[in-house]
Amino acid sequence: MKDKSLKFYSCNRGGCGSIVQRAVDFFGWIVPGAILVLIPKCPTCLAAYIALWTGIGLSISVAIYLRVSVLVLCVGVILFLAARSAGLLIYEFGRHEQLNREKCAMWGRVPSRRRNKFRGNIFP
């Protein structure tokens, strides 16, 4: 049985995630973005930083491949997260539309657009 004390109760109808899941989602965006911002442009600087922080010496060719690999990995992670967020948004929008149709069918109404006679705005 899951511990309900780790759940947020102030979330919307889409469901609640645990604090840990929300933190993982948040840092999933922050870490690749921070790496992209902080990675040096020249491979020599990258090799020097790695040697300074870890004591491991890298050749320039290894530093070039390492830099390109890290850049591709970070951009790939960010694109994956963006696609996943867009997919969830599309799913939630479709679910919302389906719920509206079900409510209209339950009350015997046909969903139509009507004009507000006071403001001229269109309301569903």
PDB file of N, CA and C in Angstrom:
ATOM      1  N   MET A   1       0.847  -1.182   0.000  1.00  0.00           N
ATOM      2  CA  MET A   1       0.000   0.000   0.000  1.00  0.00           C
ATOM      3  C   MET A   1       0.887   1.237   0.000  1.00  0.00           C
ATOM      4  N   LYS A   2       0.560   2.173  -0.877  1.00  0.00           N
ATOM      5  CA  LYS A   2       1.374   3.377  -0.993  1.00  0.00           C
ATOM      6  C   LYS A   2       1.094   4.325   0.165  1.00  0.00           C
ATOM      7  N   ASP A   3       2.144   5.056   0.524  1.00  0.00           N
ATOM      8  CA  ASP A   3       2.015   6.043   1.577  1.00  0.00           C
ATOM      9  C   ASP A   3       1.364   7.295   0.993  1.00  0.00           C
ATOM     10  N   LYS A   4       0.184   7.659   1.468  1.00  0.00           N
ATOM     11  CA  LYS A   4      -0.547   8.794   0.923  1.00  0.00           C
ATOM     12  C   LYS A   4      -0.011  10.129   1.427  1.00  0.00           C
ATOM     13  N   SER A   5       0.913  10.118   2.382  1.00  0.00           N
ATOM     14  CA  SER A   5       1.441  11.377   2.885  1.00  0.00           C
ATOM     15  C   SER A   5       2.381  12.035   1.876  1.00  0.00           C
ATOM     16  N   LEU A   6       2.875  11.285   0.882  1.00  0.00           N
ATOM     17  CA  LEU A   6       3.768  11.851  -0.110  1.00  0.00           C
ATOM     18  C   LEU A   6       3.029  12.413  -1.313  1.00  0.00           C
ATOM     19  N   LYS A   7       1.715  12.436  -1.275  1.00  0.00           N
ATOM     20  CA  LYS A   7       0.933  12.902  -2.413  1.00  0.00           C
ATOM     21  C   LYS A   7       0.551  14.362  -2.246  1.00  0.00           C
ATOM     22  N   PHE A   8       0.458  15.068  -3.384  1.00  0.00           N
ATOM     23  CA  PHE A   8      -0.080  16.414  -3.393  1.00  0.00           C
ATOM     24  C   PHE A   8      -1.588  16.301  -3.561  1.00  0.00           C
ATOM     25  N   TYR A   9      -2.345  17.003  -2.776  1.00  0.00           N
ATOM     26  CA  TYR A   9      -3.794  16.976  -2.908  1.00  0.00           C
ATOM     27  C   TYR A   9      -4.333  18.236  -3.561  1.00  0.00           C
ATOM     28  N   SER A  10      -3.476  19.179  -3.890  1.00  0.00           N
ATOM     29  CA  SER A  10      -3.937  20.423  -4.500  1.00  0.00           C
ATOM     30  C   SER A  10      -3.712  20.420  -6.004  1.00  0.00           C
ATOM     31  N   CYS A  11      -3.743  19.251  -6.620  1.00  0.00           N
ATOM     32  CA  CYS A  11      -3.502  19.186  -8.058  1.00  0.00           C
ATOM     33  C   CYS A  11      -4.814  19.116  -8.818  1.00  0.00           C
ATOM     34  N   ASN A  12      -4.731  19.195 -10.129  1.00  0.00           N
ATOM     35  CA  ASN A  12      -5.938  19.226 -10.954  1.00  0.00           C
ATOM     36  C   ASN A  12      -6.485  17.823 -11.188  1.00  0.00           C
ATOM     37  N   ARG A  13      -7.478  17.721 -12.066  1.00  0.00           N
ATOM     38  CA  ARG A  13      -8.134  16.444 -12.333  1.00  0.00           C
ATOM     39  C   ARG A  13      -7.225  15.437 -13.018  1.00  0.00           C
ATOM     40  N   GLY A  14      -6.124  15.870 -13.559  1.00  0.00           N
ATOM     41  CA  GLY A  14      -5.257  14.989 -14.318  1.00  0.00           C
ATOM     42  C   GLY A  14      -4.555  13.942 -13.482  1.00  0.00           C
ATOM     43  N   GLY A  15      -4.622  14.030 -12.179  1.00  0.00           N
ATOM     44  CA  GLY A  15      -3.968  13.062 -11.322  1.00  0.00           C
ATOM     45  C   GLY A  15      -2.849  13.721 -10.539  1.00  0.00           C
ATOM     46  N   CYS A  16      -2.442  13.075  -9.506  1.00  0.00           N
ATOM     47  CA  CYS A  16      -1.410  13.619  -8.636  1.00  0.00           C
ATOM     48  C   CYS A  16      -0.154  12.777  -8.750  1.00  0.00           C
ATOM     49  N   GLY A  17       0.972  13.433  -8.743  1.00  0.00           N
ATOM     50  CA  GLY A  17       2.239  12.738  -8.723  1.00  0.00           C
ATOM     51  C   GLY A  17       2.879  12.900  -7.360  1.00  0.00           C
ATOM     52  N   SER A  18       3.730  11.965  -7.018  1.00  0.00           N
ATOM     53  CA  SER A  18       4.404  12.079  -5.741  1.00  0.00           C
ATOM     54  C   SER A  18       5.438  13.200  -5.799  1.00  0.00           C
ATOM     55  N   ILE A  19       5.915  13.586  -4.675  1.00  0.00           N
ATOM     56  CA  ILE A  19       6.923  14.646  -4.596  1.00  0.00           C
ATOM     57  C   ILE A  19       8.178  14.213  -5.337  1.00  0.00           C
ATOM     58  N   VAL A  20       8.534  12.952  -5.205  1.00  0.00           N
ATOM     59  CA  VAL A  20       9.734  12.436  -5.860  1.00  0.00           C
ATOM     60  C   VAL A  20       9.575  12.496  -7.382  1.00  0.00           C
ATOM     61  N   GLN A  21       8.408  12.089  -7.897  1.00  0.00           N
ATOM     62  CA  GLN A  21       8.172  12.112  -9.340  1.00  0.00           C
ATOM     63  C   GLN A  21       8.208  13.538  -9.879  1.00  0.00           C
ATOM     64  N   ARG A  22       7.635  14.468  -9.149  1.00  0.00           N
ATOM     65  CA  ARG A  22       7.665  15.867  -9.590  1.00  0.00           C
ATOM     66  C   ARG A  22       9.084  16.423  -9.571  1.00  0.00           C
ATOM     67  N   ALA A  23       9.881  16.030  -8.586  1.00  0.00           N
ATOM     68  CA  ALA A  23      11.268  16.486  -8.523  1.00  0.00           C
ATOM     69  C   ALA A  23      12.081  15.909  -9.678  1.00  0.00           C
ATOM     70  N   VAL A  24      11.850  14.643 -10.003  1.00  0.00           N
ATOM     71  CA  VAL A  24      12.555  14.023 -11.127  1.00  0.00           C
ATOM     72  C   VAL A  24      12.176  14.721 -12.429  1.00  0.00           C
ATOM     73  N   ASP A  25      10.893  15.031 -12.612  1.00  0.00           N
ATOM     74  CA  ASP A  25      10.458  15.742 -13.814  1.00  0.00           C
ATOM     75  C   ASP A  25      11.095  17.127 -13.890  1.00  0.00           C
ATOM     76  N   PHE A  26      11.159  17.822 -12.767  1.00  0.00           N
ATOM     77  CA  PHE A  26      11.740  19.165 -12.748  1.00  0.00           C
ATOM     78  C   PHE A  26      13.231  19.114 -13.079  1.00  0.00           C
ATOM     79  N   PHE A  27      13.974  18.242 -12.412  1.00  0.00           N
ATOM     80  CA  PHE A  27      15.411  18.173 -12.645  1.00  0.00           C
ATOM     81  C   PHE A  27      15.742  17.530 -13.984  1.00  0.00           C
ATOM     82  N   GLY A  28      14.797  16.800 -14.552  1.00  0.00           N
ATOM     83  CA  GLY A  28      14.995  16.276 -15.894  1.00  0.00           C
ATOM     84  C   GLY A  28      15.135  17.375 -16.923  1.00  0.00           C
ATOM     85  N   TRP A  29      14.505  18.518 -16.674  1.00  0.00           N
ATOM     86  CA  TRP A  29      14.658  19.681 -17.558  1.00  0.00           C
ATOM     87  C   TRP A  29      15.883  20.512 -17.179  1.00  0.00           C
ATOM     88  N   ILE A  30      16.151  20.649 -15.892  1.00  0.00           N
ATOM     89  CA  ILE A  30      17.197  21.555 -15.426  1.00  0.00           C
ATOM     90  C   ILE A  30      18.600  21.035 -15.729  1.00  0.00           C
ATOM     91  N   VAL A  31      18.850  19.764 -15.476  1.00  0.00           N
ATOM     92  CA  VAL A  31      20.209  19.223 -15.613  1.00  0.00           C
ATOM     93  C   VAL A  31      20.721  19.301 -17.056  1.00  0.00           C
ATOM     94  N   PRO A  32      19.991  18.830 -18.075  1.00  0.00           N
ATOM     95  CA  PRO A  32      20.529  18.958 -19.435  1.00  0.00           C
ATOM     96  C   PRO A  32      20.702  20.413 -19.873  1.00  0.00           C
ATOM     97  N   GLY A  33      19.781  21.281 -19.454  1.00  0.00           N
ATOM     98  CA  GLY A  33      19.914  22.691 -19.797  1.00  0.00           C
ATOM     99  C   GLY A  33      21.140  23.318 -19.155  1.00  0.00           C
ATOM    100  N   ALA A  34      21.398  22.976 -17.904  1.00  0.00           N
ATOM    101  CA  ALA A  34      22.574  23.511 -17.211  1.00  0.00           C
ATOM    102  C   ALA A  34      23.863  22.992 -17.843  1.00  0.00           C
ATOM    103  N   ILE A  35      23.871  21.730 -18.249  1.00  0.00           N
ATOM    104  CA  ILE A  35      25.063  21.187 -18.903  1.00  0.00           C
ATOM    105  C   ILE A  35      25.308  21.904 -20.223  1.00  0.00           C
ATOM    106  N   LEU A  36      24.230  22.142 -20.986  1.00  0.00           N
ATOM    107  CA  LEU A  36      24.398  22.862 -22.256  1.00  0.00           C
ATOM    108  C   LEU A  36      24.924  24.273 -22.043  1.00  0.00           C
ATOM    109  N   VAL A  37      24.514  24.908 -20.974  1.00  0.00           N
ATOM    110  CA  VAL A  37      24.984  26.269 -20.699  1.00  0.00           C
ATOM    111  C   VAL A  37      26.434  26.265 -20.227  1.00  0.00           C
ATOM    112  N   LEU A  38      26.793  25.296 -19.411  1.00  0.00           N
ATOM    113  CA  LEU A  38      28.113  25.314 -18.781  1.00  0.00           C
ATOM    114  C   LEU A  38      29.224  24.618 -19.571  1.00  0.00           C
ATOM    115  N   ILE A  39      28.900  23.843 -20.599  1.00  0.00           N
ATOM    116  CA  ILE A  39      29.952  23.129 -21.329  1.00  0.00           C
ATOM    117  C   ILE A  39      30.774  24.140 -22.141  1.00  0.00           C
ATOM    118  N   PRO A  40      32.095  24.025 -22.074  1.00  0.00           N
ATOM    119  CA  PRO A  40      32.925  24.990 -22.820  1.00  0.00           C
ATOM    120  C   PRO A  40      32.867  24.744 -24.324  1.00  0.00           C
ATOM    121  N   LYS A  41      33.122  25.813 -25.088  1.00  0.00           N
ATOM    122  CA  LYS A  41      33.051  25.711 -26.541  1.00  0.00           C
ATOM    123  C   LYS A  41      34.257  24.995 -27.139  1.00  0.00           C
ATOM    124  N   CYS A  42      35.416  25.186 -26.566  1.00  0.00           N
ATOM    125  CA  CYS A  42      36.602  24.563 -27.155  1.00  0.00           C
ATOM    126  C   CYS A  42      36.938  23.254 -26.429  1.00  0.00           C
ATOM    127  N   PRO A  43      37.324  22.248 -27.174  1.00  0.00           N
ATOM    128  CA  PRO A  43      37.648  20.948 -26.562  1.00  0.00           C
ATOM    129  C   PRO A  43      38.866  21.004 -25.643  1.00  0.00           C
ATOM    130  N   THR A  44      39.783  21.933 -25.901  1.00  0.00           N
ATOM    131  CA  THR A  44      40.963  22.060 -25.047  1.00  0.00           C
ATOM    132  C   THR A  44      40.551  22.489 -23.636  1.00  0.00           C
ATOM    133  N   CYS A  45      39.598  23.414 -23.564  1.00  0.00           N
ATOM    134  CA  CYS A  45      39.103  23.850 -22.255  1.00  0.00           C
ATOM    135  C   CYS A  45      38.390  22.702 -21.535  1.00  0.00           C
ATOM    136  N   LEU A  46      37.626  21.916 -22.282  1.00  0.00           N
ATOM    137  CA  LEU A  46      36.948  20.765 -21.683  1.00  0.00           C
ATOM    138  C   LEU A  46      37.965  19.781 -21.129  1.00  0.00           C
ATOM    139  N   ALA A  47      39.012  19.500 -21.888  1.00  0.00           N
ATOM    140  CA  ALA A  47      40.058  18.593 -21.413  1.00  0.00           C
ATOM    141  C   ALA A  47      40.750  19.170 -20.173  1.00  0.00           C
ATOM    142  N   ALA A  48      40.963  20.476 -20.155  1.00  0.00           N
ATOM    143  CA  ALA A  48      41.601  21.105 -18.989  1.00  0.00           C
ATOM    144  C   ALA A  48      40.698  21.039 -17.763  1.00  0.00           C
ATOM    145  N   TYR A  49      39.396  21.281 -17.947  1.00  0.00           N
ATOM    146  CA  TYR A  49      38.472  21.200 -16.819  1.00  0.00           C
ATOM    147  C   TYR A  49      38.395  19.784 -16.264  1.00  0.00           C
ATOM    148  N   ILE A  50      38.346  18.809 -17.128  1.00  0.00           N
ATOM    149  CA  ILE A  50      38.287  17.413 -16.662  1.00  0.00           C
ATOM    150  C   ILE A  50      39.571  17.052 -15.940  1.00  0.00           C
ATOM    151  N   ALA A  51      40.704  17.501 -16.452  1.00  0.00           N
ATOM    152  CA  ALA A  51      41.973  17.244 -15.774  1.00  0.00           C
ATOM    153  C   ALA A  51      42.030  17.953 -14.425  1.00  0.00           C
ATOM    154  N   LEU A  52      41.482  19.149 -14.353  1.00  0.00           N
ATOM    155  CA  LEU A  52      41.493  19.908 -13.104  1.00  0.00           C
ATOM    156  C   LEU A  52      40.585  19.274 -12.053  1.00  0.00           C
ATOM    157  N   TRP A  53      39.373  18.850 -12.456  1.00  0.00           N
ATOM    158  CA  TRP A  53      38.406  18.323 -11.507  1.00  0.00           C
ATOM    159  C   TRP A  53      38.669  16.869 -11.125  1.00  0.00           C
ATOM    160  N   THR A  54      39.146  16.063 -12.066  1.00  0.00           N
ATOM    161  CA  THR A  54      39.278  14.627 -11.784  1.00  0.00           C
ATOM    162  C   THR A  54      40.718  14.150 -11.770  1.00  0.00           C
ATOM    163  N   GLY A  55      41.628  14.864 -12.394  1.00  0.00           N
ATOM    164  CA  GLY A  55      43.013  14.419 -12.480  1.00  0.00           C
ATOM    165  C   GLY A  55      43.250  13.491 -13.663  1.00  0.00           C
ATOM    166  N   ILE A  56      42.240  13.290 -14.496  1.00  0.00           N
ATOM    167  CA  ILE A  56      42.365  12.432 -15.667  1.00  0.00           C
ATOM    168  C   ILE A  56      42.708  13.307 -16.868  1.00  0.00           C
ATOM    169  N   GLY A  57      43.792  12.974 -17.545  1.00  0.00           N
ATOM    170  CA  GLY A  57      44.180  13.729 -18.714  1.00  0.00           C
ATOM    171  C   GLY A  57      43.536  13.169 -19.968  1.00  0.00           C
ATOM    172  N   LEU A  58      42.987  14.046 -20.804  1.00  0.00           N
ATOM    173  CA  LEU A  58      42.354  13.639 -22.052  1.00  0.00           C
ATOM    174  C   LEU A  58      43.101  14.250 -23.228  1.00  0.00           C
ATOM    175  N   SER A  59      43.172  13.491 -24.310  1.00  0.00           N
ATOM    176  CA  SER A  59      43.725  14.054 -25.537  1.00  0.00           C
ATOM    177  C   SER A  59      42.670  14.957 -26.177  1.00  0.00           C
ATOM    178  N   ILE A  60      43.098  15.772 -27.112  1.00  0.00           N
ATOM    179  CA  ILE A  60      42.176  16.701 -27.765  1.00  0.00           C
ATOM    180  C   ILE A  60      41.117  15.937 -28.551  1.00  0.00           C
ATOM    181  N   SER A  61      41.505  14.857 -29.232  1.00  0.00           N
ATOM    182  CA  SER A  61      40.528  14.112 -30.024  1.00  0.00           C
ATOM    183  C   SER A  61      39.464  13.466 -29.129  1.00  0.00           C
ATOM    184  N   VAL A  62      39.859  12.947 -27.978  1.00  0.00           N
ATOM    185  CA  VAL A  62      38.883  12.377 -27.035  1.00  0.00           C
ATOM    186  C   VAL A  62      37.977  13.475 -26.488  1.00  0.00           C
ATOM    187  N   ALA A  63      38.549  14.640 -26.207  1.00  0.00           N
ATOM    188  CA  ALA A  63      37.744  15.763 -25.709  1.00  0.00           C
ATOM    189  C   ALA A  63      36.733  16.225 -26.756  1.00  0.00           C
ATOM    190  N   ILE A  64      37.114  16.204 -28.027  1.00  0.00           N
ATOM    191  CA  ILE A  64      36.183  16.581 -29.099  1.00  0.00           C
ATOM    192  C   ILE A  64      35.003  15.623 -29.128  1.00  0.00           C
ATOM    193  N   TYR A  65      35.299  14.305 -29.135  1.00  0.00           N
ATOM    194  CA  TYR A  65      34.220  13.316 -29.178  1.00  0.00           C
ATOM    195  C   TYR A  65      33.362  13.352 -27.920  1.00  0.00           C
ATOM    196  N   LEU A  66      33.992  13.582 -26.776  1.00  0.00           N
ATOM    197  CA  LEU A  66      33.245  13.662 -25.521  1.00  0.00           C
ATOM    198  C   LEU A  66      32.311  14.874 -25.523  1.00  0.00           C
ATOM    199  N   ARG A  67      32.804  16.013 -25.994  1.00  0.00           N
ATOM    200  CA  ARG A  67      31.978  17.222 -26.038  1.00  0.00           C
ATOM    201  C   ARG A  67      30.785  17.044 -26.968  1.00  0.00           C
ATOM    202  N   VAL A  68      31.021  16.506 -28.151  1.00  0.00           N
ATOM    203  CA  VAL A  68      29.935  16.292 -29.107  1.00  0.00           C
ATOM    204  C   VAL A  68      28.933  15.282 -28.552  1.00  0.00           C
ATOM    205  N   SER A  69      29.413  14.231 -27.917  1.00  0.00           N
ATOM    206  CA  SER A  69      28.517  13.215 -27.336  1.00  0.00           C
ATOM    207  C   SER A  69      27.644  13.808 -26.238  1.00  0.00           C
ATOM    208  N   VAL A  70      28.235  14.626 -25.383  1.00  0.00           N
ATOM    209  CA  VAL A  70      27.467  15.251 -24.303  1.00  0.00           C
ATOM    210  C   VAL A  70      26.431  16.218 -24.872  1.00  0.00           C
ATOM    211  N   LEU A  71      26.806  16.989 -25.892  1.00  0.00           N
ATOM    212  CA  LEU A  71      25.857  17.906 -26.518  1.00  0.00           C
ATOM    213  C   LEU A  71      24.688  17.157 -27.154  1.00  0.00           C
ATOM    214  N   VAL A  72      24.977  16.096 -27.892  1.00  0.00           N
ATOM    215  CA  VAL A  72      23.921  15.314 -28.540  1.00  0.00           C
ATOM    216  C   VAL A  72      23.018  14.667 -27.493  1.00  0.00           C
ATOM    217  N   LEU A  73      23.610  14.147 -26.435  1.00  0.00           N
ATOM    218  CA  LEU A  73      22.824  13.520 -25.368  1.00  0.00           C
ATOM    219  C   LEU A  73      21.899  14.539 -24.690  1.00  0.00           C
ATOM    220  N   CYS A  74      22.412  15.723 -24.369  1.00  0.00           N
ATOM    221  CA  CYS A  74      21.591  16.749 -23.708  1.00  0.00           C
ATOM    222  C   CYS A  74      20.466  17.246 -24.610  1.00  0.00           C
ATOM    223  N   VAL A  75      20.765  17.490 -25.870  1.00  0.00           N
ATOM    224  CA  VAL A  75      19.724  17.936 -26.798  1.00  0.00           C
ATOM    225  C   VAL A  75      18.691  16.827 -26.988  1.00  0.00           C
ATOM    226  N   GLY A  76      19.130  15.577 -27.067  1.00  0.00           N
ATOM    227  CA  GLY A  76      18.198  14.456 -27.184  1.00  0.00           C
ATOM    228  C   GLY A  76      17.280  14.334 -25.993  1.00  0.00           C
ATOM    229  N   VAL A  77      17.817  14.516 -24.787  1.00  0.00           N
ATOM    230  CA  VAL A  77      16.992  14.444 -23.574  1.00  0.00           C
ATOM    231  C   VAL A  77      15.967  15.575 -23.555  1.00  0.00           C
ATOM    232  N   ILE A  78      16.389  16.771 -23.925  1.00  0.00           N
ATOM    233  CA  ILE A  78      15.464  17.903 -23.937  1.00  0.00           C
ATOM    234  C   ILE A  78      14.369  17.695 -24.986  1.00  0.00           C
ATOM    235  N   LEU A  79      14.730  17.187 -26.169  1.00  0.00           N
ATOM    236  CA  LEU A  79      13.715  16.905 -27.188  1.00  0.00           C
ATOM    237  C   LEU A  79      12.746  15.816 -26.739  1.00  0.00           C
ATOM    238  N   PHE A  80      13.262  14.791 -26.064  1.00  0.00           N
ATOM    239  CA  PHE A  80      12.394  13.735 -25.542  1.00  0.00           C
ATOM    240  C   PHE A  80      11.414  14.295 -24.516  1.00  0.00           C
ATOM    241  N   LEU A  81      11.909  15.125 -23.602  1.00  0.00           N
ATOM    242  CA  LEU A  81      11.035  15.714 -22.589  1.00  0.00           C
ATOM    243  C   LEU A  81       9.990  16.632 -23.213  1.00  0.00           C
ATOM    244  N   ALA A  82      10.379  17.377 -24.238  1.00  0.00           N
ATOM    245  CA  ALA A  82       9.417  18.250 -24.914  1.00  0.00           C
ATOM    246  C   ALA A  82       8.347  17.433 -25.629  1.00  0.00           C
ATOM    247  N   ALA A  83       8.747  16.349 -26.289  1.00  0.00           N
ATOM    248  CA  ALA A  83       7.772  15.502 -26.979  1.00  0.00           C
ATOM    249  C   ALA A  83       6.836  14.822 -25.987  1.00  0.00           C
ATOM    250  N   ARG A  84       7.372  14.383 -24.861  1.00  0.00           N
ATOM    251  CA  ARG A  84       6.535  13.747 -23.844  1.00  0.00           C
ATOM    252  C   ARG A  84       5.536  14.746 -23.255  1.00  0.00           C
ATOM    253  N   SER A  85       5.986  15.966 -22.992  1.00  0.00           N
ATOM    254  CA  SER A  85       5.084  16.995 -22.464  1.00  0.00           C
ATOM    255  C   SER A  85       4.004  17.354 -23.476  1.00  0.00           C
ATOM    256  N   ALA A  86       4.383  17.455 -24.742  1.00  0.00           N
ATOM    257  CA  ALA A  86       3.400  17.762 -25.783  1.00  0.00           C
ATOM    258  C   ALA A  86       2.390  16.623 -25.909  1.00  0.00           C
ATOM    259  N   GLY A  87       2.856  15.395 -25.832  1.00  0.00           N
ATOM    260  CA  GLY A  87       1.944  14.251 -25.894  1.00  0.00           C
ATOM    261  C   GLY A  87       0.975  14.225 -24.726  1.00  0.00           C
ATOM    262  N   LEU A  88       1.459  14.523 -23.535  1.00  0.00           N
ATOM    263  CA  LEU A  88       0.572  14.571 -22.371  1.00  0.00           C
ATOM    264  C   LEU A  88      -0.436  15.703 -22.486  1.00  0.00           C
ATOM    265  N   LEU A  89       0.001  16.831 -23.027  1.00  0.00           N
ATOM    266  CA  LEU A  89      -0.908  17.964 -23.219  1.00  0.00           C
ATOM    267  C   LEU A  89      -2.003  17.617 -24.223  1.00  0.00           C
ATOM    268  N   ILE A  90      -1.627  16.978 -25.317  1.00  0.00           N
ATOM    269  CA  ILE A  90      -2.611  16.568 -26.326  1.00  0.00           C
ATOM    270  C   ILE A  90      -3.573  15.545 -25.741  1.00  0.00           C
ATOM    271  N   TYR A  91      -3.057  14.606 -24.954  1.00  0.00           N
ATOM    272  CA  TYR A  91      -3.906  13.595 -24.324  1.00  0.00           C
ATOM    273  C   TYR A  91      -4.904  14.250 -23.368  1.00  0.00           C
ATOM    274  N   GLU A  92      -4.430  15.183 -22.544  1.00  0.00           N
ATOM    275  CA  GLU A  92      -5.320  15.855 -21.594  1.00  0.00           C
ATOM    276  C   GLU A  92      -6.373  16.689 -22.314  1.00  0.00           C
ATOM    277  N   PHE A  93      -6.001  17.344 -23.418  1.00  0.00           N
ATOM    278  CA  PHE A  93      -6.962  18.129 -24.168  1.00  0.00           C
ATOM    279  C   PHE A  93      -8.041  17.226 -24.764  1.00  0.00           C
ATOM    280  N   GLY A  94      -7.628  16.098 -25.320  1.00  0.00           N
ATOM    281  CA  GLY A  94      -8.596  15.152 -25.873  1.00  0.00           C
ATOM    282  C   GLY A  94      -9.500  14.579 -24.804  1.00  0.00           C
ATOM    283  N   ARG A  95      -8.952  14.319 -23.639  1.00  0.00           N
ATOM    284  CA  ARG A  95      -9.749  13.789 -22.535  1.00  0.00           C
ATOM    285  C   ARG A  95     -10.768  14.827 -22.067  1.00  0.00           C
ATOM    286  N   HIS A  96     -10.359  16.087 -22.037  1.00  0.00           N
ATOM    287  CA  HIS A  96     -11.257  17.164 -21.631  1.00  0.00           C
ATOM    288  C   HIS A  96     -12.409  17.287 -22.630  1.00  0.00           C
ATOM    289  N   GLU A  97     -12.087  17.217 -23.917  1.00  0.00           N
ATOM    290  CA  GLU A  97     -13.130  17.292 -24.948  1.00  0.00           C
ATOM    291  C   GLU A  97     -14.092  16.107 -24.833  1.00  0.00           C
ATOM    292  N   GLN A  98     -13.555  14.933 -24.544  1.00  0.00           N
ATOM    293  CA  GLN A  98     -14.403  13.745 -24.403  1.00  0.00           C
ATOM    294  C   GLN A  98     -15.334  13.896 -23.201  1.00  0.00           C
ATOM    295  N   LEU A  99     -14.834  14.429 -22.100  1.00  0.00           N
ATOM    296  CA  LEU A  99     -15.678  14.640 -20.924  1.00  0.00           C
ATOM    297  C   LEU A  99     -16.785  15.648 -21.221  1.00  0.00           C
ATOM    298  N   ASN A 100     -16.466  16.691 -21.992  1.00  0.00           N
ATOM    299  CA  ASN A 100     -17.501  17.661 -22.362  1.00  0.00           C
ATOM    300  C   ASN A 100     -18.591  17.014 -23.204  1.00  0.00           C
ATOM    301  N   ARG A 101     -18.191  16.172 -24.164  1.00  0.00           N
ATOM    302  CA  ARG A 101     -19.182  15.485 -24.991  1.00  0.00           C
ATOM    303  C   ARG A 101     -20.057  14.560 -24.160  1.00  0.00           C
ATOM    304  N   GLU A 102     -19.446  13.852 -23.193  1.00  0.00           N
ATOM    305  CA  GLU A 102     -20.209  12.944 -22.346  1.00  0.00           C
ATOM    306  C   GLU A 102     -21.205  13.708 -21.479  1.00  0.00           C
ATOM    307  N   LYS A 103     -20.804  14.864 -20.958  1.00  0.00           N
ATOM    308  CA  LYS A 103     -21.723  15.676 -20.156  1.00  0.00           C
ATOM    309  C   LYS A 103     -22.898  16.165 -21.000  1.00  0.00           C
ATOM    310  N   CYS A 104     -22.599  16.614 -22.222  1.00  0.00           N
ATOM    311  CA  CYS A 104     -23.671  17.088 -23.099  1.00  0.00           C
ATOM    312  C   CYS A 104     -24.620  15.955 -23.459  1.00  0.00           C
ATOM    313  N   ALA A 105     -24.084  14.771 -23.702  1.00  0.00           N
ATOM    314  CA  ALA A 105     -24.929  13.629 -24.040  1.00  0.00           C
ATOM    315  C   ALA A 105     -25.783  13.216 -22.838  1.00  0.00           C
ATOM    316  N   MET A 106     -25.206  13.335 -21.653  1.00  0.00           N
ATOM    317  CA  MET A 106     -25.943  12.954 -20.451  1.00  0.00           C
ATOM    318  C   MET A 106     -27.136  13.887 -20.230  1.00  0.00           C
ATOM    319  N   TRP A 107     -26.968  15.160 -20.514  1.00  0.00           N
ATOM    320  CA  TRP A 107     -28.045  16.133 -20.299  1.00  0.00           C
ATOM    321  C   TRP A 107     -28.910  16.322 -21.539  1.00  0.00           C
ATOM    322  N   GLY A 108     -28.614  15.600 -22.607  1.00  0.00           N
ATOM    323  CA  GLY A 108     -29.428  15.682 -23.808  1.00  0.00           C
ATOM    324  C   GLY A 108     -29.189  16.932 -24.627  1.00  0.00           C
ATOM    325  N   ARG A 109     -28.037  17.563 -24.438  1.00  0.00           N
ATOM    326  CA  ARG A 109     -27.727  18.778 -25.188  1.00  0.00           C
ATOM    327  C   ARG A 109     -26.764  18.458 -26.320  1.00  0.00           C
ATOM    328  N   VAL A 110     -26.838  19.255 -27.328  1.00  0.00           N
ATOM    329  CA  VAL A 110     -25.879  19.157 -28.421  1.00  0.00           C
ATOM    330  C   VAL A 110     -24.875  20.281 -28.226  1.00  0.00           C
ATOM    331  N   PRO A 111     -23.578  19.966 -28.182  1.00  0.00           N
ATOM    332  CA  PRO A 111     -22.607  21.050 -27.995  1.00  0.00           C
ATOM    333  C   PRO A 111     -22.614  21.987 -29.187  1.00  0.00           C
ATOM    334  N   SER A 112     -22.887  23.244 -28.941  1.00  0.00           N
ATOM    335  CA  SER A 112     -22.898  24.239 -30.009  1.00  0.00           C
ATOM    336  C   SER A 112     -22.291  25.523 -29.479  1.00  0.00           C
ATOM    337  N   ARG A 113     -21.979  26.417 -30.404  1.00  0.00           N
ATOM    338  CA  ARG A 113     -21.419  27.695 -30.007  1.00  0.00           C
ATOM    339  C   ARG A 113     -22.541  28.720 -29.996  1.00  0.00           C
ATOM    340  N   ARG A 114     -22.619  29.496 -28.948  1.00  0.00           N
ATOM    341  CA  ARG A 114     -23.656  30.518 -28.858  1.00  0.00           C
ATOM    342  C   ARG A 114     -23.003  31.860 -28.549  1.00  0.00           C
ATOM    343  N   ARG A 115     -23.662  32.918 -28.900  1.00  0.00           N
ATOM    344  CA  ARG A 115     -23.129  34.264 -28.664  1.00  0.00           C
ATOM    345  C   ARG A 115     -23.690  34.823 -27.369  1.00  0.00           C
ATOM    346  N   ASN A 116     -22.813  35.490 -26.636  1.00  0.00           N
ATOM    347  CA  ASN A 116     -23.245  36.225 -25.470  1.00  0.00           C
ATOM    348  C   ASN A 116     -23.839  37.541 -25.969  1.00  0.00           C
ATOM    349  N   LYS A 117     -25.105  37.785 -25.662  1.00  0.00           N
ATOM    350  CA  LYS A 117     -25.770  38.958 -26.230  1.00  0.00           C
ATOM    351  C   LYS A 117     -25.247  40.278 -25.652  1.00  0.00           C
ATOM    352  N   PHE A 118     -24.550  40.217 -24.533  1.00  0.00           N
ATOM    353  CA  PHE A 118     -24.065  41.451 -23.918  1.00  0.00           C
ATOM    354  C   PHE A 118     -22.695  41.860 -24.468  1.00  0.00           C
ATOM    355  N   ARG A 119     -21.822  40.908 -24.651  1.00  0.00           N
ATOM    356  CA  ARG A 119     -20.440  41.237 -25.057  1.00  0.00           C
ATOM    357  C   ARG A 119     -20.122  40.843 -26.490  1.00  0.00           C
ATOM    358  N   GLY A 120     -20.898  40.002 -27.092  1.00  0.00           N
ATOM    359  CA  GLY A 120     -20.609  39.559 -28.446  1.00  0.00           C
ATOM    360  C   GLY A 120     -19.553  38.464 -28.482  1.00  0.00           C
ATOM    361  N   ASN A 121     -19.126  37.954 -27.329  1.00  0.00           N
ATOM    362  CA  ASN A 121     -18.130  36.891 -27.297  1.00  0.00           C
ATOM    363  C   ASN A 121     -18.791  35.564 -27.615  1.00  0.00           C
ATOM    364  N   ILE A 122     -17.990  34.645 -28.088  1.00  0.00           N
ATOM    365  CA  ILE A 122     -18.499  33.301 -28.392  1.00  0.00           C
ATOM    366  C   ILE A 122     -18.112  32.390 -27.244  1.00  0.00           C
ATOM    367  N   PHE A 123     -19.094  31.720 -26.667  1.00  0.00           N
ATOM    368  CA  PHE A 123     -18.865  30.771 -25.594  1.00  0.00           C
ATOM    369  C   PHE A 123     -19.303  29.389 -26.043  1.00  0.00           C
ATOM    370  N   PRO A 124     -18.550  28.350 -25.637  1.00  0.00           N
ATOM    371  CA  PRO A 124     -18.971  26.994 -26.007  1.00  0.00           C
ATOM    372  C   PRO A 124     -20.189  26.560 -25.230  1.00  0.00           C
TER     373      PRO A 124
END
